[in-house]
Amino acid sequence: MDFSPEKILYYSVDLDELSKIRGEVREFLGEDCSDIVKGRIVFCLDEAMTNVIEHGFTEPDTSKIELRMKKNKGSWKFSILDQGIPFDPTKEKSETWKELYDSGADGGFGLRSIKKIMVVRYQRLKNPPRNKLTLIHTR
């Protein structure tokens, strides 16, 4: 059973968009969750969008990143759709934070954190060819 209509927003492939994205996610969640849960969800969306912008495109791109947000009875669902380089984070091994820290890794902490906080699903859509990353948090 759906709890509310889906909200769909579009963003440029630009890190300057991140503050707008954080604000929109906070506004979307409203008073429906504690500040701790809201902070975790905003963090996950910020990390996921940053990864798309930084790693999904090899050069400046004029396409838009689509963010879909939906409140269901038992969860909040966020889908990020982009035309960047295909990447399935569900197939990536998530090293422990200690392994990441000890290795001196430049990245991986955000993806590891997202997988701990949210249910992560990935699809490669065919028409038009796009990535669809879905993050779900239980209410």
C-alpha atoms as a PDB file:
ATOM      1  CA  MET A   1       0.000   0.000   0.000  1.00  0.00           C
ATOM      2  CA  ASP A   2       1.412   3.380  -0.990  1.00  0.00           C
ATOM      3  CA  PHE A   3       1.643   6.015   1.709  1.00  0.00           C
ATOM      4  CA  SER A   4       2.234   9.073  -0.480  1.00  0.00           C
ATOM      5  CA  PRO A   5       2.839  10.106  -4.083  1.00  0.00           C
ATOM      6  CA  GLU A   6       6.359   9.789  -5.397  1.00  0.00           C
ATOM      7  CA  LYS A   7       8.381  13.007  -5.495  1.00  0.00           C
ATOM      8  CA  ILE A   8      10.675  13.305  -8.536  1.00  0.00           C
ATOM      9  CA  LEU A   9      13.534  15.831  -8.733  1.00  0.00           C
ATOM     10  CA  TYR A  10      16.290  16.457 -11.297  1.00  0.00           C
ATOM     11  CA  TYR A  11      19.844  17.619 -10.639  1.00  0.00           C
ATOM     12  CA  SER A  12      22.840  18.571 -12.763  1.00  0.00           C
ATOM     13  CA  VAL A  13      25.940  16.392 -12.726  1.00  0.00           C
ATOM     14  CA  ASP A  14      27.644  18.863 -10.403  1.00  0.00           C
ATOM     15  CA  LEU A  15      28.863  18.618  -6.806  1.00  0.00           C
ATOM     16  CA  ASP A  16      27.366  22.073  -6.171  1.00  0.00           C
ATOM     17  CA  GLU A  17      23.961  20.356  -6.290  1.00  0.00           C
ATOM     18  CA  LEU A  18      24.631  18.388  -3.087  1.00  0.00           C
ATOM     19  CA  SER A  19      23.413  21.064  -0.677  1.00  0.00           C
ATOM     20  CA  LYS A  20      20.107  21.262  -2.597  1.00  0.00           C
ATOM     21  CA  ILE A  21      19.784  17.476  -2.501  1.00  0.00           C
ATOM     22  CA  ARG A  22      20.378  17.356   1.274  1.00  0.00           C
ATOM     23  CA  GLY A  23      17.769  20.067   1.791  1.00  0.00           C
ATOM     24  CA  GLU A  24      15.187  18.322  -0.403  1.00  0.00           C
ATOM     25  CA  VAL A  25      15.703  14.996   1.410  1.00  0.00           C
ATOM     26  CA  ARG A  26      15.341  16.678   4.817  1.00  0.00           C
ATOM     27  CA  GLU A  27      12.187  18.451   3.663  1.00  0.00           C
ATOM     28  CA  PHE A  28      10.791  15.197   2.230  1.00  0.00           C
ATOM     29  CA  LEU A  29      11.355  13.331   5.513  1.00  0.00           C
ATOM     30  CA  GLY A  30       9.874  16.198   7.514  1.00  0.00           C
ATOM     31  CA  GLU A  31       8.852  15.207  11.019  1.00  0.00           C
ATOM     32  CA  ASP A  32       8.277  11.558  10.071  1.00  0.00           C
ATOM     33  CA  CYS A  33      11.483  10.362  11.727  1.00  0.00           C
ATOM     34  CA  SER A  34      13.931  11.221  14.473  1.00  0.00           C
ATOM     35  CA  ASP A  35      16.835  13.563  13.791  1.00  0.00           C
ATOM     36  CA  ILE A  36      19.236  10.594  14.043  1.00  0.00           C
ATOM     37  CA  VAL A  37      17.387   8.615  11.358  1.00  0.00           C
ATOM     38  CA  LYS A  38      17.022  11.732   9.204  1.00  0.00           C
ATOM     39  CA  GLY A  39      20.762  12.383   9.499  1.00  0.00           C
ATOM     40  CA  ARG A  40      21.587   8.815   8.468  1.00  0.00           C
ATOM     41  CA  ILE A  41      19.295   8.923   5.449  1.00  0.00           C
ATOM     42  CA  VAL A  42      20.611  12.330   4.337  1.00  0.00           C
ATOM     43  CA  PHE A  43      24.185  11.026   4.748  1.00  0.00           C
ATOM     44  CA  CYS A  44      23.426   7.977   2.567  1.00  0.00           C
ATOM     45  CA  LEU A  45      21.806  10.029  -0.199  1.00  0.00           C
ATOM     46  CA  ASP A  46      24.672  12.525  -0.083  1.00  0.00           C
ATOM     47  CA  GLU A  47      27.242   9.714  -0.406  1.00  0.00           C
ATOM     48  CA  ALA A  48      25.355   7.963  -3.206  1.00  0.00           C
ATOM     49  CA  MET A  49      24.855  11.169  -5.210  1.00  0.00           C
ATOM     50  CA  THR A  50      28.491  12.162  -4.665  1.00  0.00           C
ATOM     51  CA  ASN A  51      29.610   8.783  -6.028  1.00  0.00           C
ATOM     52  CA  VAL A  52      27.405   9.164  -9.103  1.00  0.00           C
ATOM     53  CA  ILE A  53      28.705  12.671  -9.799  1.00  0.00           C
ATOM     54  CA  GLU A  54      32.391  11.930  -9.100  1.00  0.00           C
ATOM     55  CA  HIS A  55      32.713   8.432 -10.570  1.00  0.00           C
ATOM     56  CA  GLY A  56      29.804   8.030 -12.975  1.00  0.00           C
ATOM     57  CA  PHE A  57      30.972  10.535 -15.559  1.00  0.00           C
ATOM     58  CA  THR A  58      34.465  10.847 -17.054  1.00  0.00           C
ATOM     59  CA  GLU A  59      33.924  14.402 -18.292  1.00  0.00           C
ATOM     60  CA  PRO A  60      31.381  17.176 -17.759  1.00  0.00           C
ATOM     61  CA  ASP A  61      27.938  15.970 -18.711  1.00  0.00           C
ATOM     62  CA  THR A  62      24.728  17.846 -19.471  1.00  0.00           C
ATOM     63  CA  SER A  63      22.395  14.984 -18.575  1.00  0.00           C
ATOM     64  CA  LYS A  64      20.356  15.129 -15.378  1.00  0.00           C
ATOM     65  CA  ILE A  65      20.391  12.855 -12.364  1.00  0.00           C
ATOM     66  CA  GLU A  66      16.874  11.904 -11.328  1.00  0.00           C
ATOM     67  CA  LEU A  67      16.014  11.416  -7.652  1.00  0.00           C
ATOM     68  CA  ARG A  68      12.735   9.718  -6.798  1.00  0.00           C
ATOM     69  CA  MET A  69      11.541   9.750  -3.181  1.00  0.00           C
ATOM     70  CA  LYS A  70       8.569   7.786  -1.881  1.00  0.00           C
ATOM     71  CA  LYS A  71       7.079   7.254   1.572  1.00  0.00           C
ATOM     72  CA  ASN A  72       5.516   3.832   1.935  1.00  0.00           C
ATOM     73  CA  LYS A  73       3.720   2.482   4.975  1.00  0.00           C
ATOM     74  CA  GLY A  74       6.801   0.650   6.248  1.00  0.00           C
ATOM     75  CA  SER A  75       9.704   2.371   4.497  1.00  0.00           C
ATOM     76  CA  TRP A  76      11.200   5.345   2.722  1.00  0.00           C
ATOM     77  CA  LYS A  77      12.398   4.548  -0.798  1.00  0.00           C
ATOM     78  CA  PHE A  78      14.905   6.635  -2.744  1.00  0.00           C
ATOM     79  CA  SER A  79      15.870   5.859  -6.350  1.00  0.00           C
ATOM     80  CA  ILE A  80      18.726   7.555  -8.173  1.00  0.00           C
ATOM     81  CA  LEU A  81      18.669   7.265 -11.968  1.00  0.00           C
ATOM     82  CA  ASP A  82      21.576   8.410 -14.128  1.00  0.00           C
ATOM     83  CA  GLN A  83      23.143   7.913 -17.553  1.00  0.00           C
ATOM     84  CA  GLY A  84      26.659   7.499 -16.179  1.00  0.00           C
ATOM     85  CA  ILE A  85      29.074   4.596 -16.251  1.00  0.00           C
ATOM     86  CA  PRO A  86      27.323   1.398 -15.103  1.00  0.00           C
ATOM     87  CA  PHE A  87      28.282   0.403 -11.550  1.00  0.00           C
ATOM     88  CA  ASP A  88      26.547  -2.182  -9.372  1.00  0.00           C
ATOM     89  CA  PRO A  89      27.478  -1.527  -5.733  1.00  0.00           C
ATOM     90  CA  THR A  90      25.654  -4.677  -4.633  1.00  0.00           C
ATOM     91  CA  LYS A  91      28.350  -6.758  -6.346  1.00  0.00           C
ATOM     92  CA  GLU A  92      31.237  -4.899  -4.706  1.00  0.00           C
ATOM     93  CA  LYS A  93      32.788  -6.581  -1.695  1.00  0.00           C
ATOM     94  CA  SER A  94      32.363  -4.379   1.350  1.00  0.00           C
ATOM     95  CA  GLU A  95      35.550  -4.462   3.326  1.00  0.00           C
ATOM     96  CA  THR A  96      35.321  -3.733   7.032  1.00  0.00           C
ATOM     97  CA  TRP A  97      36.043  -0.203   8.201  1.00  0.00           C
ATOM     98  CA  LYS A  98      39.243  -1.525   9.804  1.00  0.00           C
ATOM     99  CA  GLU A  99      40.370  -3.078   6.504  1.00  0.00           C
ATOM    100  CA  LEU A 100      39.627   0.171   4.675  1.00  0.00           C
ATOM    101  CA  TYR A 101      41.448   2.224   7.309  1.00  0.00           C
ATOM    102  CA  ASP A 102      44.458  -0.108   7.532  1.00  0.00           C
ATOM    103  CA  SER A 103      44.820  -0.229   3.749  1.00  0.00           C
ATOM    104  CA  GLY A 104      44.915   3.565   3.504  1.00  0.00           C
ATOM    105  CA  ALA A 105      42.041   3.363   1.047  1.00  0.00           C
ATOM    106  CA  ASP A 106      40.980   6.617  -0.553  1.00  0.00           C
ATOM    107  CA  GLY A 107      37.378   5.443  -0.771  1.00  0.00           C
ATOM    108  CA  GLY A 108      34.937   2.743   0.141  1.00  0.00           C
ATOM    109  CA  PHE A 109      33.838   4.161   3.485  1.00  0.00           C
ATOM    110  CA  GLY A 110      30.693   5.767   2.066  1.00  0.00           C
ATOM    111  CA  LEU A 111      29.551   2.668   0.190  1.00  0.00           C
ATOM    112  CA  ARG A 112      30.225   0.494   3.231  1.00  0.00           C
ATOM    113  CA  SER A 113      28.193   2.877   5.396  1.00  0.00           C
ATOM    114  CA  ILE A 114      25.294   3.036   2.933  1.00  0.00           C
ATOM    115  CA  LYS A 115      25.068  -0.770   2.901  1.00  0.00           C
ATOM    116  CA  LYS A 116      24.946  -0.828   6.709  1.00  0.00           C
ATOM    117  CA  ILE A 117      22.179   1.778   6.956  1.00  0.00           C
ATOM    118  CA  MET A 118      19.989   1.093   3.906  1.00  0.00           C
ATOM    119  CA  VAL A 119      18.826  -1.801   1.766  1.00  0.00           C
ATOM    120  CA  VAL A 120      20.654  -1.303  -1.547  1.00  0.00           C
ATOM    121  CA  ARG A 121      19.359  -2.481  -4.934  1.00  0.00           C
ATOM    122  CA  TYR A 122      20.755  -1.862  -8.408  1.00  0.00           C
ATOM    123  CA  GLN A 123      19.291  -2.254 -11.888  1.00  0.00           C
ATOM    124  CA  ARG A 124      20.717  -1.465 -15.289  1.00  0.00           C
ATOM    125  CA  LEU A 125      17.772  -0.145 -17.285  1.00  0.00           C
ATOM    126  CA  LYS A 126      17.768  -0.641 -21.037  1.00  0.00           C
ATOM    127  CA  ASN A 127      15.453   1.932 -22.596  1.00  0.00           C
ATOM    128  CA  PRO A 128      16.899   4.481 -22.213  1.00  0.00           C
ATOM    129  CA  PRO A 129      20.134   2.956 -20.860  1.00  0.00           C
ATOM    130  CA  ARG A 130      20.471   4.159 -17.271  1.00  0.00           C
ATOM    131  CA  ASN A 131      21.577   3.093 -13.828  1.00  0.00           C
ATOM    132  CA  LYS A 132      18.949   2.793 -11.134  1.00  0.00           C
ATOM    133  CA  LEU A 133      20.206   2.687  -7.570  1.00  0.00           C
ATOM    134  CA  THR A 134      17.482   2.203  -4.973  1.00  0.00           C
ATOM    135  CA  LEU A 135      18.048   2.826  -1.271  1.00  0.00           C
ATOM    136  CA  ILE A 136      15.379   1.744   1.222  1.00  0.00           C
ATOM    137  CA  HIS A 137      15.172   2.559   4.930  1.00  0.00           C
ATOM    138  CA  THR A 138      12.621   0.899   7.193  1.00  0.00           C
ATOM    139  CA  ARG A 139      10.258   3.231   9.030  1.00  0.00           C
END
